[in-house]
Amino acid sequence: MELDYSQIGKRIARRRKHLGLKQAEVEEKADLGYKYLSNIERGISIPSTEVIMRLAVALETTPDEFLVGTARHEDEEWKNVAELLRTMDAKHLKLAHSLLTWLAEEEL
């Protein structure tokens, strides 16, 4: 599956506007640099998995709302996972991404 970063940016912008937040407010909440969110929303910058997770926490949703256009709000456990990911370095994030990809493909 190929990710459409332009669509991801539009979904992030839609969620931000739905919550009535300014880009600068979300950048502060997600610990992003100045104007980085603007570039993501316009499809200019490609956000990392970590940035997608931070934006999901800042915008009170799940990463799948941005990635595939759907959100799961019935369980708040994703926030705990997102918070753990925020503390990881690049090596650990790569490993976490591999594990999460494997889990997503498994039938439980």
C-alpha atoms as a PDB file:
ATOM      1  CA  MET A   1       0.000   0.000   0.000  1.00  0.00           C
ATOM      2  CA  GLU A   2       1.418   3.347  -1.078  1.00  0.00           C
ATOM      3  CA  LEU A   3       0.836   6.268   1.278  1.00  0.00           C
ATOM      4  CA  ASP A   4      -0.554   9.465  -0.206  1.00  0.00           C
ATOM      5  CA  TYR A   5       1.164  12.177   1.853  1.00  0.00           C
ATOM      6  CA  SER A   6      -1.002  14.877   0.326  1.00  0.00           C
ATOM      7  CA  GLN A   7      -4.111  13.099   1.653  1.00  0.00           C
ATOM      8  CA  ILE A   8      -2.448  12.495   5.025  1.00  0.00           C
ATOM      9  CA  GLY A   9      -1.745  16.225   5.274  1.00  0.00           C
ATOM     10  CA  LYS A  10      -5.339  17.065   4.388  1.00  0.00           C
ATOM     11  CA  ARG A  11      -6.646  14.676   7.056  1.00  0.00           C
ATOM     12  CA  ILE A  12      -4.358  16.215   9.671  1.00  0.00           C
ATOM     13  CA  ALA A  13      -5.522  19.713   8.693  1.00  0.00           C
ATOM     14  CA  ARG A  14      -9.175  18.632   8.801  1.00  0.00           C
ATOM     15  CA  ARG A  15      -8.764  17.202  12.307  1.00  0.00           C
ATOM     16  CA  ARG A  16      -6.886  20.292  13.530  1.00  0.00           C
ATOM     17  CA  LYS A  17      -9.581  22.606  12.184  1.00  0.00           C
ATOM     18  CA  HIS A  18     -12.323  20.402  13.658  1.00  0.00           C
ATOM     19  CA  LEU A  19     -10.745  20.943  17.077  1.00  0.00           C
ATOM     20  CA  GLY A  20     -10.406  24.687  16.413  1.00  0.00           C
ATOM     21  CA  LEU A  21      -6.630  24.663  16.833  1.00  0.00           C
ATOM     22  CA  LYS A  22      -4.041  26.796  15.076  1.00  0.00           C
ATOM     23  CA  GLN A  23      -0.993  25.206  13.487  1.00  0.00           C
ATOM     24  CA  ALA A  24       1.307  26.813  16.064  1.00  0.00           C
ATOM     25  CA  GLU A  25      -0.748  25.308  18.904  1.00  0.00           C
ATOM     26  CA  VAL A  26      -0.483  21.820  17.441  1.00  0.00           C
ATOM     27  CA  GLU A  27       3.228  22.257  16.723  1.00  0.00           C
ATOM     28  CA  GLU A  28       3.760  23.135  20.375  1.00  0.00           C
ATOM     29  CA  LYS A  29       1.656  20.212  21.638  1.00  0.00           C
ATOM     30  CA  ALA A  30       3.430  17.761  19.317  1.00  0.00           C
ATOM     31  CA  ASP A  31       6.883  19.293  19.860  1.00  0.00           C
ATOM     32  CA  LEU A  32       7.334  20.124  16.172  1.00  0.00           C
ATOM     33  CA  GLY A  33       9.417  22.857  14.610  1.00  0.00           C
ATOM     34  CA  TYR A  34       8.038  26.162  13.350  1.00  0.00           C
ATOM     35  CA  LYS A  35       6.078  25.775  10.056  1.00  0.00           C
ATOM     36  CA  TYR A  36       6.698  22.000   9.938  1.00  0.00           C
ATOM     37  CA  LEU A  37       2.984  21.272  10.343  1.00  0.00           C
ATOM     38  CA  SER A  38       2.185  23.648   7.499  1.00  0.00           C
ATOM     39  CA  ASN A  39       4.540  21.696   5.247  1.00  0.00           C
ATOM     40  CA  ILE A  40       2.989  18.384   6.321  1.00  0.00           C
ATOM     41  CA  GLU A  41      -0.552  19.636   5.754  1.00  0.00           C
ATOM     42  CA  ARG A  42       0.363  20.820   2.249  1.00  0.00           C
ATOM     43  CA  GLY A  43       2.075  17.521   1.397  1.00  0.00           C
ATOM     44  CA  ILE A  44       5.516  19.146   1.109  1.00  0.00           C
ATOM     45  CA  SER A  45       7.120  17.345   4.064  1.00  0.00           C
ATOM     46  CA  ILE A  46       6.787  13.617   4.715  1.00  0.00           C
ATOM     47  CA  PRO A  47       6.197  12.979   8.426  1.00  0.00           C
ATOM     48  CA  SER A  48       7.945  10.101  10.172  1.00  0.00           C
ATOM     49  CA  THR A  49       6.036   7.467  12.107  1.00  0.00           C
ATOM     50  CA  GLU A  50       7.012   9.250  15.305  1.00  0.00           C
ATOM     51  CA  VAL A  51       5.624  12.572  14.040  1.00  0.00           C
ATOM     52  CA  ILE A  52       2.362  10.897  12.983  1.00  0.00           C
ATOM     53  CA  MET A  53       2.089   9.440  16.491  1.00  0.00           C
ATOM     54  CA  ARG A  54       2.800  12.798  18.154  1.00  0.00           C
ATOM     55  CA  LEU A  55       0.229  14.519  15.950  1.00  0.00           C
ATOM     56  CA  ALA A  56      -2.344  11.847  16.791  1.00  0.00           C
ATOM     57  CA  VAL A  57      -1.812  12.460  20.514  1.00  0.00           C
ATOM     58  CA  ALA A  58      -1.871  16.249  20.068  1.00  0.00           C
ATOM     59  CA  LEU A  59      -5.056  16.040  17.997  1.00  0.00           C
ATOM     60  CA  GLU A  60      -6.715  13.448  20.252  1.00  0.00           C
ATOM     61  CA  THR A  61      -7.168  10.763  17.633  1.00  0.00           C
ATOM     62  CA  THR A  62      -5.524   7.644  16.296  1.00  0.00           C
ATOM     63  CA  PRO A  63      -2.815   7.539  13.623  1.00  0.00           C
ATOM     64  CA  ASP A  64      -5.116   5.580  11.325  1.00  0.00           C
ATOM     65  CA  GLU A  65      -7.340   8.644  10.999  1.00  0.00           C
ATOM     66  CA  PHE A  66      -4.427  10.322   9.204  1.00  0.00           C
ATOM     67  CA  LEU A  67      -3.045   7.290   7.401  1.00  0.00           C
ATOM     68  CA  VAL A  68      -6.232   5.680   6.088  1.00  0.00           C
ATOM     69  CA  GLY A  69      -8.996   8.127   6.976  1.00  0.00           C
ATOM     70  CA  THR A  70     -10.623   6.189   9.835  1.00  0.00           C
ATOM     71  CA  ALA A  71     -10.293   6.535  13.577  1.00  0.00           C
ATOM     72  CA  ARG A  72     -10.897   4.198  16.484  1.00  0.00           C
ATOM     73  CA  HIS A  73     -12.007   6.034  19.604  1.00  0.00           C
ATOM     74  CA  GLU A  74     -13.586   3.171  21.525  1.00  0.00           C
ATOM     75  CA  ASP A  75     -10.318   2.227  23.211  1.00  0.00           C
ATOM     76  CA  GLU A  76      -7.834   4.709  24.607  1.00  0.00           C
ATOM     77  CA  GLU A  77      -4.957   2.185  24.817  1.00  0.00           C
ATOM     78  CA  TRP A  78      -3.436   3.659  21.635  1.00  0.00           C
ATOM     79  CA  LYS A  79      -2.539   6.783  23.633  1.00  0.00           C
ATOM     80  CA  ASN A  80      -0.400   4.705  25.981  1.00  0.00           C
ATOM     81  CA  VAL A  81       1.414   3.178  23.009  1.00  0.00           C
ATOM     82  CA  ALA A  82       1.879   6.606  21.413  1.00  0.00           C
ATOM     83  CA  GLU A  83       3.379   7.977  24.624  1.00  0.00           C
ATOM     84  CA  LEU A  84       5.855   5.095  24.757  1.00  0.00           C
ATOM     85  CA  LEU A  85       6.868   5.730  21.157  1.00  0.00           C
ATOM     86  CA  ARG A  86       7.493   9.400  21.885  1.00  0.00           C
ATOM     87  CA  THR A  87      10.320   8.490  24.246  1.00  0.00           C
ATOM     88  CA  MET A  88      12.145   6.177  21.834  1.00  0.00           C
ATOM     89  CA  ASP A  89      15.276   6.888  19.839  1.00  0.00           C
ATOM     90  CA  ALA A  90      15.525   6.122  16.108  1.00  0.00           C
ATOM     91  CA  LYS A  91      16.816   2.577  16.627  1.00  0.00           C
ATOM     92  CA  HIS A  92      13.966   1.678  18.977  1.00  0.00           C
ATOM     93  CA  LEU A  93      11.379   3.328  16.708  1.00  0.00           C
ATOM     94  CA  LYS A  94      12.563   1.236  13.771  1.00  0.00           C
ATOM     95  CA  LEU A  95      12.201  -1.910  15.851  1.00  0.00           C
ATOM     96  CA  ALA A  96       8.768  -0.797  17.125  1.00  0.00           C
ATOM     97  CA  HIS A  97       7.653  -0.118  13.561  1.00  0.00           C
ATOM     98  CA  SER A  98       8.701  -3.635  12.517  1.00  0.00           C
ATOM     99  CA  LEU A  99       6.878  -5.168  15.461  1.00  0.00           C
ATOM    100  CA  LEU A 100       3.711  -3.136  14.861  1.00  0.00           C
ATOM    101  CA  THR A 101       3.761  -4.013  11.158  1.00  0.00           C
ATOM    102  CA  TRP A 102       4.072  -7.691  12.033  1.00  0.00           C
ATOM    103  CA  LEU A 103       1.244  -7.438  14.593  1.00  0.00           C
ATOM    104  CA  ALA A 104      -1.022  -5.680  12.096  1.00  0.00           C
ATOM    105  CA  GLU A 105      -0.571  -8.548   9.648  1.00  0.00           C
ATOM    106  CA  GLU A 106      -1.234 -11.314  12.198  1.00  0.00           C
ATOM    107  CA  GLU A 107      -4.653 -12.827  12.724  1.00  0.00           C
ATOM    108  CA  LEU A 108      -5.341 -12.928  16.460  1.00  0.00           C
END
